[in-house]
């Protein structure tokens, strides 16, 4: 990269190696330090990365550059929590209505509800083939981890594990 001079132990644009950007954080001893990327944001429960952008929930879904700059709301009218990003969409739960929701980068903020009202809906993740979600309730009320095929709805969900107050789920 241009303008990369050794040593790279304090350069936030070339931290520890040429081209490694700390995205607003400091570089100390060749390691990027944590950085605050959003101030004054209320009730954020989830963050996600999709198509090279940062997304966070709360009152709607907000899109920002990876360093938190140029933030603007892309989905309104929902209480978005527990976000998960894929190459082509951002999935989130709307705990006020109990909905699993998908936003496919529609410029008008249009979303697709993938479930009806799910009591205790909490975490969400997506793989190339399935959507996973959790219900944060007692097992006798359905608490556990579920999945359904991508392209279908939660009506086709399969319970993978009974779990008392399952909150988050991830796909690696």
N, C-alpha and C. Protein backbone atom coordinates (compact mmCIF):
# COMPACT_ATOMS: atom_id res chain seq x y z
N UNK A 1 0.82 -1.20 0.00
CA UNK A 1 0.00 0.00 0.00
C UNK A 1 0.85 1.26 0.00
N UNK A 2 0.29 2.30 -0.55
CA UNK A 2 0.96 3.59 -0.61
C UNK A 2 1.08 4.15 0.80
N UNK A 3 2.14 4.89 1.08
CA UNK A 3 2.36 5.55 2.37
C UNK A 3 2.52 4.59 3.53
N UNK A 4 3.02 3.41 3.31
CA UNK A 4 3.26 2.47 4.40
C UNK A 4 4.75 2.47 4.69
N UNK A 5 5.08 2.91 5.89
CA UNK A 5 6.48 2.96 6.30
C UNK A 5 6.66 2.12 7.54
N UNK A 6 7.75 1.40 7.58
CA UNK A 6 8.08 0.61 8.76
C UNK A 6 8.72 1.51 9.81
N UNK A 7 8.52 1.29 11.09
CA UNK A 7 7.68 0.24 11.67
C UNK A 7 6.19 0.63 11.58
N UNK A 8 5.35 -0.37 11.70
CA UNK A 8 3.90 -0.17 11.61
C UNK A 8 3.23 -0.34 12.97
N UNK A 9 3.96 -0.08 14.04
CA UNK A 9 3.41 -0.33 15.37
C UNK A 9 2.53 0.79 15.92
N UNK A 10 2.43 1.93 15.24
CA UNK A 10 1.61 3.03 15.75
C UNK A 10 0.75 3.68 14.67
N UNK A 11 0.78 3.19 13.45
CA UNK A 11 0.03 3.79 12.34
C UNK A 11 -1.35 3.14 12.24
N UNK A 12 -2.44 3.86 12.54
CA UNK A 12 -3.78 3.24 12.51
C UNK A 12 -4.25 2.83 11.12
N UNK A 13 -3.53 3.23 10.08
CA UNK A 13 -3.88 2.81 8.72
C UNK A 13 -3.02 1.65 8.24
N UNK A 14 -1.98 1.36 8.98
CA UNK A 14 -1.06 0.26 8.67
C UNK A 14 -0.60 -0.34 10.00
N UNK A 15 -1.51 -0.93 10.71
CA UNK A 15 -1.25 -1.37 12.08
C UNK A 15 -0.73 -2.81 12.13
N UNK A 16 0.55 -2.94 12.43
CA UNK A 16 1.16 -4.26 12.51
C UNK A 16 1.58 -4.81 11.16
N UNK A 17 0.97 -4.30 10.10
CA UNK A 17 1.34 -4.67 8.74
C UNK A 17 0.77 -3.63 7.79
N UNK A 18 1.34 -3.54 6.63
CA UNK A 18 0.88 -2.57 5.64
C UNK A 18 -0.55 -2.90 5.21
N UNK A 19 -1.41 -1.88 5.24
CA UNK A 19 -2.79 -2.03 4.77
C UNK A 19 -3.80 -2.44 5.82
N UNK A 20 -3.38 -2.75 7.04
CA UNK A 20 -4.33 -3.13 8.09
C UNK A 20 -4.84 -1.86 8.76
N UNK A 21 -6.12 -1.53 8.51
CA UNK A 21 -6.73 -0.30 8.98
C UNK A 21 -7.50 -0.55 10.27
N UNK A 22 -7.29 0.28 11.27
CA UNK A 22 -7.98 0.14 12.56
C UNK A 22 -9.38 0.77 12.55
N UNK A 23 -9.80 1.32 11.45
CA UNK A 23 -11.16 1.85 11.28
C UNK A 23 -11.57 2.78 12.42
N UNK A 24 -10.72 3.74 12.73
CA UNK A 24 -11.05 4.73 13.75
C UNK A 24 -10.42 4.46 15.10
N UNK A 25 -9.92 3.27 15.32
CA UNK A 25 -9.25 2.95 16.59
C UNK A 25 -7.78 3.30 16.52
N UNK A 26 -7.16 3.37 17.69
CA UNK A 26 -5.72 3.63 17.75
C UNK A 26 -4.94 2.35 17.46
N UNK A 27 -3.70 2.52 17.06
CA UNK A 27 -2.78 1.40 16.87
C UNK A 27 -1.70 1.51 17.93
N UNK A 28 -1.63 0.49 18.79
CA UNK A 28 -0.62 0.47 19.84
C UNK A 28 0.14 -0.85 19.76
N UNK A 29 1.43 -0.75 19.68
CA UNK A 29 2.31 -1.92 19.60
C UNK A 29 1.88 -2.86 18.47
N UNK A 30 1.42 -2.28 17.36
CA UNK A 30 1.06 -3.08 16.20
C UNK A 30 -0.29 -3.78 16.30
N UNK A 31 -1.12 -3.38 17.27
CA UNK A 31 -2.45 -3.99 17.44
C UNK A 31 -3.51 -2.90 17.49
N UNK A 32 -4.60 -3.12 16.74
CA UNK A 32 -5.71 -2.17 16.75
C UNK A 32 -6.41 -2.21 18.10
N UNK A 33 -6.75 -1.04 18.59
CA UNK A 33 -7.43 -0.90 19.88
C UNK A 33 -8.93 -0.71 19.64
N UNK A 34 -9.75 -1.06 20.62
CA UNK A 34 -11.19 -0.86 20.47
C UNK A 34 -11.51 0.61 20.21
N UNK A 35 -12.57 0.83 19.46
CA UNK A 35 -12.99 2.20 19.14
C UNK A 35 -14.50 2.31 19.27
N UNK A 36 -14.96 3.43 19.77
CA UNK A 36 -16.40 3.70 19.80
C UNK A 36 -16.80 4.10 18.39
N UNK A 37 -17.78 3.40 17.85
CA UNK A 37 -18.19 3.70 16.47
C UNK A 37 -19.55 4.36 16.39
N UNK A 38 -20.28 4.40 17.51
CA UNK A 38 -21.59 5.08 17.50
C UNK A 38 -21.84 5.62 18.90
N UNK A 39 -22.16 6.89 18.98
CA UNK A 39 -22.49 7.52 20.26
C UNK A 39 -23.94 7.97 20.24
N UNK A 40 -24.55 7.95 21.43
CA UNK A 40 -25.91 8.45 21.56
C UNK A 40 -26.97 7.55 20.95
N UNK A 41 -26.61 6.31 20.66
CA UNK A 41 -27.56 5.36 20.10
C UNK A 41 -28.19 4.59 21.24
N UNK A 42 -29.51 4.49 21.26
CA UNK A 42 -30.21 3.82 22.36
C UNK A 42 -30.58 2.39 21.99
N UNK A 43 -30.56 1.54 22.99
CA UNK A 43 -31.14 0.20 22.90
C UNK A 43 -30.58 -0.68 21.78
N UNK A 44 -29.29 -0.59 21.50
CA UNK A 44 -28.69 -1.46 20.50
C UNK A 44 -28.44 -2.83 21.14
N UNK A 45 -29.00 -3.87 20.55
CA UNK A 45 -28.78 -5.22 21.04
C UNK A 45 -27.96 -6.02 20.04
N UNK A 46 -28.05 -5.70 18.76
CA UNK A 46 -27.34 -6.49 17.77
C UNK A 46 -26.62 -5.66 16.74
N UNK A 47 -25.53 -6.23 16.21
CA UNK A 47 -24.78 -5.63 15.11
C UNK A 47 -24.51 -6.72 14.08
N UNK A 48 -24.31 -6.31 12.84
CA UNK A 48 -24.02 -7.25 11.77
C UNK A 48 -23.19 -6.56 10.70
N UNK A 49 -22.53 -7.35 9.88
CA UNK A 49 -21.81 -6.87 8.71
C UNK A 49 -22.43 -7.52 7.48
N UNK A 50 -22.73 -6.72 6.46
CA UNK A 50 -23.25 -7.23 5.20
C UNK A 50 -22.81 -6.29 4.09
N UNK A 51 -22.34 -6.83 3.01
CA UNK A 51 -21.90 -6.07 1.85
C UNK A 51 -20.94 -4.94 2.23
N UNK A 52 -20.03 -5.23 3.17
CA UNK A 52 -19.01 -4.27 3.56
C UNK A 52 -19.49 -3.11 4.39
N UNK A 53 -20.68 -3.20 4.93
CA UNK A 53 -21.24 -2.14 5.78
C UNK A 53 -21.58 -2.71 7.15
N UNK A 54 -21.64 -1.83 8.13
CA UNK A 54 -22.03 -2.16 9.49
C UNK A 54 -23.52 -1.87 9.65
N UNK A 55 -24.23 -2.77 10.31
CA UNK A 55 -25.65 -2.57 10.60
C UNK A 55 -25.86 -2.76 12.08
N UNK A 56 -26.70 -1.91 12.67
CA UNK A 56 -27.06 -2.11 14.06
C UNK A 56 -28.54 -1.82 14.24
N UNK A 57 -29.09 -2.53 15.22
CA UNK A 57 -30.52 -2.44 15.48
C UNK A 57 -30.83 -1.43 16.55
N UNK A 58 -32.06 -1.48 16.98
CA UNK A 58 -32.60 -0.53 17.95
C UNK A 58 -33.92 -0.08 17.38
N UNK A 59 -34.07 1.21 17.27
CA UNK A 59 -35.27 1.76 16.62
C UNK A 59 -35.02 1.71 15.11
N UNK A 60 -35.38 0.60 14.50
CA UNK A 60 -35.10 0.36 13.10
C UNK A 60 -33.75 -0.30 12.91
N UNK A 61 -33.27 -0.29 11.67
CA UNK A 61 -31.95 -0.81 11.34
C UNK A 61 -31.15 0.34 10.74
N UNK A 62 -29.95 0.56 11.28
CA UNK A 62 -29.08 1.64 10.81
C UNK A 62 -27.90 1.05 10.08
N UNK A 63 -27.55 1.66 8.94
CA UNK A 63 -26.39 1.27 8.15
C UNK A 63 -25.31 2.32 8.35
N UNK A 64 -24.05 1.88 8.44
CA UNK A 64 -22.92 2.80 8.57
C UNK A 64 -21.69 2.19 7.91
N UNK A 65 -20.71 3.03 7.66
CA UNK A 65 -19.41 2.52 7.24
C UNK A 65 -18.84 1.71 8.39
N UNK A 66 -17.84 0.88 8.14
CA UNK A 66 -17.29 0.03 9.18
C UNK A 66 -16.68 0.81 10.34
N UNK A 67 -16.34 2.07 10.12
CA UNK A 67 -15.81 2.90 11.21
C UNK A 67 -16.91 3.67 11.91
N UNK A 68 -18.18 3.41 11.57
CA UNK A 68 -19.31 4.07 12.19
C UNK A 68 -19.74 5.36 11.52
N UNK A 69 -18.98 5.83 10.55
CA UNK A 69 -19.32 7.09 9.88
C UNK A 69 -20.42 6.87 8.84
N UNK A 70 -21.05 7.97 8.45
CA UNK A 70 -22.11 7.97 7.43
C UNK A 70 -23.30 7.10 7.81
N UNK A 71 -23.66 7.14 9.08
CA UNK A 71 -24.78 6.33 9.57
C UNK A 71 -26.12 6.91 9.10
N UNK A 72 -26.99 6.02 8.68
CA UNK A 72 -28.35 6.41 8.30
C UNK A 72 -29.28 5.20 8.43
N UNK A 73 -30.51 5.47 8.77
CA UNK A 73 -31.48 4.40 8.98
C UNK A 73 -31.97 3.88 7.63
N UNK A 74 -31.97 2.55 7.49
CA UNK A 74 -32.41 1.92 6.24
C UNK A 74 -33.73 1.17 6.41
N UNK A 75 -34.08 0.83 7.66
CA UNK A 75 -35.36 0.18 7.95
C UNK A 75 -35.97 0.92 9.13
N UNK A 76 -37.24 1.29 9.02
CA UNK A 76 -37.92 1.99 10.10
C UNK A 76 -39.15 1.21 10.54
N UNK A 77 -39.72 1.63 11.65
CA UNK A 77 -40.97 1.06 12.11
C UNK A 77 -40.87 -0.29 12.79
N UNK A 78 -39.66 -0.69 13.19
CA UNK A 78 -39.47 -1.97 13.87
C UNK A 78 -38.50 -1.76 15.04
N UNK A 79 -38.59 -2.65 16.00
CA UNK A 79 -37.60 -2.70 17.09
C UNK A 79 -36.65 -3.83 16.74
N UNK A 80 -35.61 -3.53 15.99
CA UNK A 80 -34.70 -4.54 15.47
C UNK A 80 -33.66 -4.94 16.51
N UNK A 81 -33.55 -6.24 16.74
CA UNK A 81 -32.58 -6.76 17.68
C UNK A 81 -31.88 -7.98 17.07
N UNK A 82 -30.79 -8.38 17.66
CA UNK A 82 -30.08 -9.60 17.28
C UNK A 82 -29.93 -9.72 15.76
N UNK A 83 -29.16 -8.83 15.17
CA UNK A 83 -28.96 -8.84 13.72
C UNK A 83 -27.96 -9.90 13.30
N UNK A 84 -28.10 -10.33 12.04
CA UNK A 84 -27.15 -11.26 11.43
C UNK A 84 -27.03 -10.88 9.96
N UNK A 85 -25.79 -10.71 9.46
CA UNK A 85 -25.59 -10.32 8.08
C UNK A 85 -25.06 -11.46 7.23
N UNK A 86 -25.56 -11.55 6.00
CA UNK A 86 -25.03 -12.46 5.00
C UNK A 86 -24.59 -11.62 3.81
N UNK A 87 -24.12 -12.25 2.75
CA UNK A 87 -23.68 -11.50 1.58
C UNK A 87 -24.81 -10.69 0.94
N UNK A 88 -26.05 -11.17 1.06
CA UNK A 88 -27.13 -10.50 0.34
C UNK A 88 -28.27 -9.98 1.22
N UNK A 89 -28.18 -10.11 2.54
CA UNK A 89 -29.29 -9.66 3.38
C UNK A 89 -28.84 -9.45 4.82
N UNK A 90 -29.69 -8.73 5.55
CA UNK A 90 -29.54 -8.58 6.99
C UNK A 90 -30.80 -9.19 7.60
N UNK A 91 -30.61 -10.15 8.49
CA UNK A 91 -31.70 -10.79 9.20
C UNK A 91 -31.75 -10.18 10.59
N UNK A 92 -32.95 -10.02 11.14
CA UNK A 92 -33.05 -9.52 12.50
C UNK A 92 -34.35 -10.01 13.12
N UNK A 93 -34.37 -9.95 14.44
CA UNK A 93 -35.60 -10.26 15.15
C UNK A 93 -36.26 -8.96 15.55
N UNK A 94 -37.56 -8.97 15.54
CA UNK A 94 -38.35 -7.84 16.00
C UNK A 94 -39.09 -8.35 17.22
N UNK A 95 -38.50 -8.13 18.40
CA UNK A 95 -39.05 -8.74 19.61
C UNK A 95 -40.39 -8.13 20.02
N UNK A 96 -40.70 -6.92 19.57
CA UNK A 96 -41.99 -6.34 19.92
C UNK A 96 -43.14 -7.09 19.25
N UNK A 97 -42.89 -7.64 18.09
CA UNK A 97 -43.93 -8.41 17.42
C UNK A 97 -43.62 -9.88 17.35
N UNK A 98 -42.40 -10.26 17.73
CA UNK A 98 -42.00 -11.66 17.69
C UNK A 98 -41.76 -12.17 16.28
N UNK A 99 -41.18 -11.33 15.42
CA UNK A 99 -41.00 -11.70 14.02
C UNK A 99 -39.54 -11.93 13.66
N UNK A 100 -39.28 -12.98 12.88
CA UNK A 100 -38.01 -13.17 12.20
C UNK A 100 -38.15 -12.40 10.89
N UNK A 101 -37.21 -11.51 10.61
CA UNK A 101 -37.34 -10.59 9.48
C UNK A 101 -36.07 -10.58 8.64
N UNK A 102 -36.25 -10.38 7.33
CA UNK A 102 -35.13 -10.31 6.38
C UNK A 102 -35.22 -8.99 5.62
N UNK A 103 -34.11 -8.26 5.56
CA UNK A 103 -34.01 -7.06 4.74
C UNK A 103 -32.95 -7.32 3.69
N UNK A 104 -33.33 -7.34 2.43
CA UNK A 104 -32.43 -7.69 1.33
C UNK A 104 -31.86 -6.44 0.66
N UNK A 105 -31.44 -5.46 1.46
CA UNK A 105 -30.83 -4.23 0.98
C UNK A 105 -31.77 -3.44 0.06
N UNK A 106 -33.06 -3.55 0.30
CA UNK A 106 -34.04 -2.79 -0.48
C UNK A 106 -33.89 -1.31 -0.16
N UNK A 107 -33.71 -0.45 -1.18
CA UNK A 107 -33.49 0.98 -0.92
C UNK A 107 -34.71 1.66 -0.29
N UNK A 108 -35.88 1.06 -0.39
CA UNK A 108 -37.09 1.64 0.22
C UNK A 108 -37.33 1.11 1.62
N UNK A 109 -36.43 0.28 2.14
CA UNK A 109 -36.57 -0.23 3.49
C UNK A 109 -37.56 -1.37 3.62
N UNK A 110 -37.98 -1.95 2.50
CA UNK A 110 -38.94 -3.05 2.55
C UNK A 110 -38.30 -4.29 3.14
N UNK A 111 -39.03 -4.96 4.02
CA UNK A 111 -38.55 -6.17 4.66
C UNK A 111 -39.53 -7.31 4.40
N UNK A 112 -39.09 -8.52 4.69
CA UNK A 112 -39.93 -9.70 4.57
C UNK A 112 -40.00 -10.38 5.92
N UNK A 113 -41.21 -10.54 6.45
CA UNK A 113 -41.38 -11.29 7.69
C UNK A 113 -41.33 -12.77 7.35
N UNK A 114 -40.48 -13.49 8.05
CA UNK A 114 -40.31 -14.91 7.80
C UNK A 114 -41.03 -15.76 8.85
N UNK A 115 -41.70 -15.10 9.78
CA UNK A 115 -42.42 -15.84 10.82
C UNK A 115 -43.63 -15.04 11.26
N UNK A 116 -44.54 -15.75 11.88
CA UNK A 116 -45.62 -15.10 12.61
C UNK A 116 -45.10 -14.74 13.98
N UNK A 117 -45.98 -14.39 14.88
CA UNK A 117 -45.61 -14.01 16.23
C UNK A 117 -45.02 -15.20 16.98
N UNK A 118 -43.76 -15.10 17.36
CA UNK A 118 -43.07 -16.15 18.11
C UNK A 118 -42.82 -15.65 19.52
N UNK A 119 -43.50 -16.21 20.48
CA UNK A 119 -43.36 -15.82 21.87
C UNK A 119 -41.94 -16.09 22.36
N UNK A 120 -41.25 -15.04 22.83
CA UNK A 120 -39.91 -15.20 23.37
C UNK A 120 -38.80 -15.18 22.34
N UNK A 121 -39.09 -14.72 21.13
CA UNK A 121 -38.08 -14.67 20.07
C UNK A 121 -36.88 -13.86 20.54
N UNK A 122 -35.69 -14.37 20.26
CA UNK A 122 -34.49 -13.68 20.71
C UNK A 122 -33.43 -13.67 19.61
N UNK A 123 -32.45 -14.57 19.65
CA UNK A 123 -31.31 -14.54 18.75
C UNK A 123 -31.61 -15.05 17.36
N UNK A 124 -30.73 -14.69 16.41
CA UNK A 124 -30.89 -15.11 15.02
C UNK A 124 -29.52 -15.28 14.37
N UNK A 125 -29.45 -16.21 13.43
CA UNK A 125 -28.25 -16.40 12.60
C UNK A 125 -28.72 -17.02 11.29
N UNK A 126 -27.88 -16.94 10.28
CA UNK A 126 -28.21 -17.55 8.99
C UNK A 126 -26.98 -18.22 8.42
N UNK A 127 -27.20 -19.38 7.81
CA UNK A 127 -26.15 -20.09 7.09
C UNK A 127 -26.48 -19.97 5.61
N UNK A 128 -25.69 -20.53 4.74
CA UNK A 128 -26.05 -20.48 3.32
C UNK A 128 -27.36 -21.21 3.00
N UNK A 129 -27.83 -22.07 3.90
CA UNK A 129 -29.02 -22.86 3.59
C UNK A 129 -30.17 -22.71 4.59
N UNK A 130 -29.91 -22.17 5.79
CA UNK A 130 -30.94 -22.12 6.83
C UNK A 130 -30.91 -20.81 7.63
N UNK A 131 -32.04 -20.52 8.25
CA UNK A 131 -32.14 -19.45 9.24
C UNK A 131 -32.33 -20.13 10.59
N UNK A 132 -31.58 -19.66 11.59
CA UNK A 132 -31.65 -20.20 12.94
C UNK A 132 -32.19 -19.12 13.87
N UNK A 133 -32.99 -19.51 14.86
CA UNK A 133 -33.44 -18.54 15.85
C UNK A 133 -33.63 -19.23 17.19
N UNK A 134 -33.70 -18.41 18.23
CA UNK A 134 -33.90 -18.94 19.58
C UNK A 134 -35.16 -18.36 20.18
N UNK A 135 -35.75 -19.11 21.08
CA UNK A 135 -36.88 -18.64 21.87
C UNK A 135 -36.44 -18.58 23.33
N UNK A 136 -36.47 -17.40 23.89
CA UNK A 136 -36.01 -17.16 25.26
C UNK A 136 -37.17 -17.34 26.23
N UNK A 137 -37.65 -18.57 26.33
CA UNK A 137 -38.72 -18.93 27.25
C UNK A 137 -38.39 -20.30 27.86
N UNK A 138 -39.18 -20.71 28.83
CA UNK A 138 -39.00 -22.02 29.43
C UNK A 138 -39.26 -23.11 28.40
N UNK A 139 -38.66 -24.29 28.56
CA UNK A 139 -38.86 -25.38 27.61
C UNK A 139 -40.33 -25.77 27.42
N UNK A 140 -41.13 -25.69 28.47
CA UNK A 140 -42.54 -26.05 28.31
C UNK A 140 -43.32 -25.02 27.50
N UNK A 141 -42.71 -23.87 27.24
CA UNK A 141 -43.32 -22.84 26.39
C UNK A 141 -42.64 -22.79 25.02
N UNK A 142 -41.76 -23.75 24.74
CA UNK A 142 -41.10 -23.82 23.45
C UNK A 142 -39.66 -23.36 23.44
N UNK A 143 -39.11 -23.04 24.61
CA UNK A 143 -37.74 -22.54 24.67
C UNK A 143 -36.75 -23.47 23.98
N UNK A 144 -35.89 -22.90 23.14
CA UNK A 144 -34.90 -23.71 22.46
C UNK A 144 -34.32 -23.04 21.23
N UNK A 145 -33.66 -23.86 20.43
CA UNK A 145 -33.00 -23.41 19.21
C UNK A 145 -33.70 -24.08 18.02
N UNK A 146 -34.05 -23.27 17.02
CA UNK A 146 -34.81 -23.73 15.86
C UNK A 146 -34.08 -23.36 14.57
N UNK A 147 -34.47 -24.04 13.48
CA UNK A 147 -33.98 -23.65 12.16
C UNK A 147 -35.05 -23.95 11.12
N UNK A 148 -35.00 -23.20 10.03
CA UNK A 148 -35.86 -23.47 8.88
C UNK A 148 -35.08 -23.15 7.61
N UNK A 149 -35.42 -23.82 6.50
CA UNK A 149 -34.68 -23.60 5.26
C UNK A 149 -34.79 -22.16 4.76
N UNK A 150 -33.68 -21.61 4.32
CA UNK A 150 -33.66 -20.29 3.70
C UNK A 150 -34.58 -20.35 2.48
N UNK A 151 -35.40 -19.36 2.31
CA UNK A 151 -36.34 -19.36 1.20
C UNK A 151 -37.71 -19.86 1.60
N UNK A 152 -37.84 -20.35 2.82
CA UNK A 152 -39.16 -20.75 3.31
C UNK A 152 -39.49 -19.86 4.51
N UNK A 153 -40.40 -20.29 5.36
CA UNK A 153 -40.75 -19.49 6.52
C UNK A 153 -40.56 -20.32 7.78
N UNK A 154 -40.69 -19.65 8.91
CA UNK A 154 -40.53 -20.32 10.20
C UNK A 154 -41.64 -21.34 10.44
N UNK A 155 -42.66 -21.34 9.59
CA UNK A 155 -43.69 -22.38 9.69
C UNK A 155 -43.07 -23.76 9.49
N UNK A 156 -41.96 -23.80 8.77
CA UNK A 156 -41.27 -25.07 8.49
C UNK A 156 -40.13 -25.32 9.48
N UNK A 157 -40.15 -24.62 10.63
CA UNK A 157 -39.04 -24.71 11.58
C UNK A 157 -38.96 -26.08 12.24
N UNK A 158 -37.73 -26.48 12.47
CA UNK A 158 -37.41 -27.72 13.16
C UNK A 158 -36.73 -27.34 14.47
N UNK A 159 -37.19 -27.91 15.59
CA UNK A 159 -36.53 -27.64 16.87
C UNK A 159 -35.27 -28.49 16.93
N UNK A 160 -34.12 -27.82 17.09
CA UNK A 160 -32.85 -28.52 17.16
C UNK A 160 -32.47 -28.91 18.58
N UNK A 161 -32.86 -28.06 19.52
CA UNK A 161 -32.48 -28.34 20.91
C UNK A 161 -33.47 -27.64 21.85
N UNK A 162 -33.95 -28.38 22.82
CA UNK A 162 -34.73 -27.79 23.90
C UNK A 162 -33.74 -27.06 24.80
N UNK A 163 -34.06 -25.82 25.16
CA UNK A 163 -33.13 -25.04 25.95
C UNK A 163 -33.91 -24.06 26.79
N UNK A 164 -33.57 -23.97 28.05
CA UNK A 164 -34.22 -23.01 28.94
C UNK A 164 -33.63 -21.62 28.71
N UNK A 165 -34.42 -20.72 28.22
CA UNK A 165 -34.02 -19.33 27.97
C UNK A 165 -32.84 -19.22 26.99
N UNK A 166 -32.96 -19.88 25.86
CA UNK A 166 -31.95 -19.75 24.79
C UNK A 166 -31.98 -18.32 24.27
N UNK A 167 -30.84 -17.66 24.28
CA UNK A 167 -30.84 -16.26 23.89
C UNK A 167 -30.17 -15.98 22.56
N UNK A 168 -28.96 -16.46 22.36
CA UNK A 168 -28.26 -16.14 21.13
C UNK A 168 -27.86 -17.39 20.40
N UNK A 169 -27.59 -17.23 19.12
CA UNK A 169 -27.16 -18.34 18.28
C UNK A 169 -26.22 -17.74 17.23
N UNK A 170 -25.26 -18.52 16.77
CA UNK A 170 -24.32 -18.04 15.76
C UNK A 170 -24.06 -19.16 14.76
N UNK A 171 -23.63 -18.77 13.58
CA UNK A 171 -23.25 -19.70 12.54
C UNK A 171 -21.80 -19.39 12.18
N UNK A 172 -20.97 -20.41 12.16
CA UNK A 172 -19.55 -20.17 11.83
C UNK A 172 -19.16 -20.92 10.58
